[in-house]
Amino acid sequence: MIEKIITGSFLTNTYIISNGEECIIVDPGLDFQKHAEDIKQKYNVQAILLTHGHMDHIDGIRYFHVPIYIHELEVPFLFDDSLSLYHQFGKKSNFKKEALNLRLVKDGMEINLIGYTFKVIHTPGHTKGSVVYSYNNKLLSGDTLFHMGMGRTDFPTGDALKMRDSLKKIITLFNDNVDVYPGHESKTTIAFERKNNPFI
């Protein structure tokens, strides 16, 4: 089962993927403490998957002591408040590397968690280490692919040309019937985006 929680002033989509009493969390965002308490009461949290390192997708990791999967190029975002955008909004992350159980991912890797296999696809553009995760005909697209749109490329390490390449990569890799769960806004499908997204 997949559940969506909309968090913080950026209206970020956090996803809870469960299988019985176990779950993983994708991109736990800002203002997440109460959500974390509710999730831990309901599920045994096994891991966190991060699509990239912006504050509205990572801030909630502070409430969990579980493996955190992140692309190797994105690790510096956890400890550099300018990269993660905390600094730009007058905030501090205060993450300590020794306190985080980081698991580095790369393109093509498969991760087996809670009975599902999550495939990692590196999709630079929004940030240099952005990834999407696919499993069971679902795509967790972070801030790469949106409904009728794509993520911004004007933040640190963003690259508009690489973003276009990443969008083409997604459309090439996945069939029309794949459901897309983006980091912001509403769910969509590969078929709809292939036909209607002006950036593809």
Protein backbone atom coordinates (compact mmCIF):
# COMPACT_ATOMS: atom_id res chain seq x y z
CA MET A 1 0.00 0.00 0.00
CA ILE A 2 1.16 3.54 -0.68
CA GLU A 3 -0.06 6.54 1.33
CA LYS A 4 0.69 10.22 0.72
CA ILE A 5 1.29 12.85 3.39
CA ILE A 6 1.62 16.50 2.31
CA THR A 7 4.13 18.27 4.54
CA GLY A 8 5.41 21.77 5.27
CA SER A 9 4.98 25.10 3.55
CA PHE A 10 6.38 23.67 0.30
CA LEU A 11 3.52 21.14 0.18
CA THR A 12 5.94 18.26 -0.34
CA ASN A 13 4.61 14.76 -0.93
CA THR A 14 5.97 12.21 1.51
CA TYR A 15 5.07 8.61 0.71
CA ILE A 16 4.57 5.77 3.16
CA ILE A 17 4.92 2.39 1.45
CA SER A 18 3.74 -0.46 3.64
CA ASN A 19 3.51 -4.23 3.55
CA GLY A 20 1.63 -5.45 6.59
CA GLU A 21 3.18 -3.97 9.74
CA GLU A 22 6.37 -2.82 8.02
CA CYS A 23 6.92 0.34 5.98
CA ILE A 24 9.48 2.53 4.31
CA ILE A 25 9.26 6.30 4.00
CA VAL A 26 10.09 8.30 0.88
CA ASP A 27 11.22 11.93 1.36
CA PRO A 28 10.08 12.79 4.91
CA GLY A 29 9.62 16.55 4.72
CA LEU A 30 9.35 19.62 6.90
CA ASP A 31 7.16 19.84 10.02
CA PHE A 32 7.32 16.07 10.29
CA GLN A 33 7.49 15.37 14.03
CA LYS A 34 3.79 14.59 14.53
CA HIS A 35 3.69 12.56 11.32
CA ALA A 36 6.73 10.60 12.52
CA GLU A 37 5.03 9.78 15.81
CA ASP A 38 1.89 8.60 14.03
CA ILE A 39 3.87 6.47 11.55
CA LYS A 40 5.91 4.81 14.31
CA GLN A 41 2.75 3.94 16.22
CA LYS A 42 1.24 2.30 13.14
CA TYR A 43 4.27 0.71 11.45
CA ASN A 44 7.70 -0.75 12.02
CA VAL A 45 9.76 1.64 9.88
CA GLN A 46 12.50 -0.22 8.00
CA ALA A 47 14.18 2.46 5.89
CA ILE A 48 13.98 5.89 4.28
CA LEU A 49 14.47 6.50 0.56
CA LEU A 50 15.54 10.01 -0.47
CA THR A 51 15.07 11.23 -4.03
CA HIS A 52 17.34 14.24 -3.44
CA GLY A 53 18.75 16.44 -0.70
CA HIS A 54 16.59 19.56 -0.49
CA MET A 55 15.33 20.43 2.97
CA ASP A 56 11.67 19.84 2.18
CA HIS A 57 12.50 16.23 1.26
CA ILE A 58 14.99 15.37 4.02
CA ASP A 59 14.12 17.27 7.19
CA GLY A 60 12.05 14.44 8.68
CA ILE A 61 14.94 11.97 8.71
CA ARG A 62 15.86 13.42 12.12
CA TYR A 63 12.94 11.54 13.71
CA PHE A 64 14.02 8.05 12.66
CA HIS A 65 16.98 5.75 13.31
CA VAL A 66 16.85 3.58 10.22
CA PRO A 67 18.96 3.11 7.05
CA ILE A 68 18.73 6.13 4.75
CA TYR A 69 19.19 5.49 1.03
CA ILE A 70 20.61 8.40 -0.95
CA HIS A 71 22.66 8.84 -4.12
CA GLU A 72 26.36 9.25 -3.42
CA LEU A 73 26.45 12.65 -5.18
CA GLU A 74 23.69 13.92 -2.93
CA VAL A 75 25.29 13.15 0.45
CA PRO A 76 26.93 16.63 0.71
CA PHE A 77 23.43 18.17 0.70
CA LEU A 78 22.78 16.66 4.13
CA PHE A 79 25.64 18.65 5.65
CA ASP A 80 25.78 21.83 3.54
CA ASP A 81 22.87 24.15 4.30
CA SER A 82 23.44 26.13 1.11
CA LEU A 83 23.07 23.04 -1.08
CA SER A 84 19.99 21.81 0.82
CA LEU A 85 18.42 25.31 0.83
CA TYR A 86 18.17 25.57 4.63
CA HIS A 87 20.43 28.62 4.53
CA GLN A 88 18.33 30.41 1.93
CA PHE A 89 15.28 30.14 4.19
CA GLY A 90 17.03 31.06 7.43
CA LYS A 91 17.13 27.52 8.81
CA LYS A 92 19.79 25.03 9.90
CA SER A 93 19.87 21.28 9.35
CA ASN A 94 22.16 20.26 12.24
CA PHE A 95 22.60 16.74 10.84
CA LYS A 96 25.66 14.85 12.06
CA LYS A 97 27.18 12.31 9.68
CA GLU A 98 28.07 9.87 12.45
CA ALA A 99 24.44 9.83 13.60
CA LEU A 100 23.01 8.86 10.20
CA ASN A 101 22.96 5.32 8.81
CA LEU A 102 23.56 6.23 5.17
CA ARG A 103 23.31 3.67 2.36
CA LEU A 104 24.63 4.96 -0.95
CA VAL A 105 22.73 4.19 -4.14
CA LYS A 106 23.67 4.45 -7.80
CA ASP A 107 21.99 4.08 -11.17
CA GLY A 108 20.58 0.61 -11.81
CA MET A 109 20.87 -0.60 -8.24
CA GLU A 110 18.07 -2.74 -6.84
CA ILE A 111 17.10 -2.48 -3.17
CA ASN A 112 15.04 -5.18 -1.49
CA LEU A 113 12.89 -3.81 1.33
CA ILE A 114 9.66 -5.01 3.00
CA GLY A 115 9.04 -7.59 0.29
CA TYR A 116 9.42 -5.15 -2.61
CA THR A 117 12.29 -4.50 -5.00
CA PHE A 118 13.02 -0.83 -5.61
CA LYS A 119 15.11 0.04 -8.66
CA VAL A 120 17.21 3.20 -8.60
CA ILE A 121 17.40 5.43 -11.68
CA HIS A 122 19.81 8.37 -11.54
CA THR A 123 18.05 11.44 -12.94
CA PRO A 124 20.28 14.53 -12.61
CA GLY A 125 18.81 17.91 -13.41
CA HIS A 126 16.95 19.17 -10.36
CA THR A 127 20.14 18.35 -8.44
CA LYS A 128 23.18 16.38 -9.56
CA GLY A 129 22.31 13.37 -7.42
CA SER A 130 18.56 13.24 -7.94
CA VAL A 131 17.10 9.77 -8.36
CA VAL A 132 13.74 8.17 -8.95
CA TYR A 133 12.68 4.79 -7.56
CA SER A 134 10.47 2.27 -9.33
CA TYR A 135 8.63 -0.74 -7.93
CA ASN A 136 5.49 -2.72 -8.82
CA ASN A 137 4.52 -0.52 -11.80
CA LYS A 138 4.93 2.62 -9.69
CA LEU A 139 7.46 5.42 -10.09
CA LEU A 140 8.47 7.68 -7.20
CA SER A 141 9.68 10.60 -9.29
CA GLY A 142 10.78 13.12 -6.64
CA ASP A 143 11.29 16.58 -8.13
CA THR A 144 12.25 15.28 -11.57
CA LEU A 145 8.90 14.55 -13.23
CA PHE A 146 5.69 16.34 -12.19
CA HIS A 147 2.15 16.26 -13.52
CA MET A 148 2.47 18.43 -16.65
CA GLY A 149 5.84 19.70 -15.49
CA MET A 150 9.33 19.12 -14.20
CA GLY A 151 11.42 20.23 -11.23
CA ARG A 152 13.28 23.51 -11.10
CA THR A 153 16.84 23.60 -12.38
CA ASP A 154 17.99 26.94 -10.96
CA PHE A 155 19.00 25.65 -7.51
CA PRO A 156 22.61 24.64 -6.67
CA THR A 157 23.86 21.81 -8.95
CA GLY A 158 20.72 22.06 -11.12
CA ASP A 159 21.14 21.63 -14.87
CA ALA A 160 18.35 22.20 -17.41
CA LEU A 161 19.99 20.14 -20.17
CA LYS A 162 20.52 17.17 -17.86
CA MET A 163 16.93 17.48 -16.68
CA ARG A 164 15.66 17.14 -20.24
CA ASP A 165 17.87 14.07 -20.69
CA SER A 166 16.54 12.59 -17.46
CA LEU A 167 12.93 13.12 -18.52
CA LYS A 168 13.64 11.39 -21.84
CA LYS A 169 15.30 8.56 -19.93
CA ILE A 170 12.20 8.07 -17.77
CA ILE A 171 9.82 8.12 -20.71
CA THR A 172 12.00 5.60 -22.56
CA LEU A 173 12.40 3.22 -19.61
CA PHE A 174 8.79 3.00 -18.42
CA ASN A 175 5.58 1.76 -19.99
CA ASP A 176 2.43 3.86 -20.34
CA ASN A 177 0.63 2.06 -17.50
CA VAL A 178 3.16 3.06 -14.83
CA ASP A 179 1.70 5.31 -12.12
CA VAL A 180 3.86 8.31 -11.21
CA TYR A 181 4.06 9.63 -7.64
CA PRO A 182 5.86 13.01 -7.75
CA GLY A 183 7.44 15.05 -4.96
CA HIS A 184 4.82 17.79 -5.33
CA GLU A 185 1.31 18.10 -6.72
CA SER A 186 -0.85 15.26 -7.98
CA LYS A 187 -0.29 11.67 -9.09
CA THR A 188 -0.06 11.04 -12.84
CA THR A 189 0.89 8.32 -15.33
CA ILE A 190 3.63 7.82 -17.87
CA ALA A 191 0.98 7.67 -20.61
CA PHE A 192 -0.46 11.06 -19.66
CA GLU A 193 2.96 12.72 -19.38
CA ARG A 194 4.18 11.21 -22.63
CA LYS A 195 1.20 12.80 -24.39
CA ASN A 196 0.78 16.06 -22.49
CA ASN A 197 3.93 17.14 -20.66
CA PRO A 198 5.40 20.13 -22.56
CA PHE A 199 8.94 19.34 -21.33
CA ILE A 200 9.04 15.86 -22.85
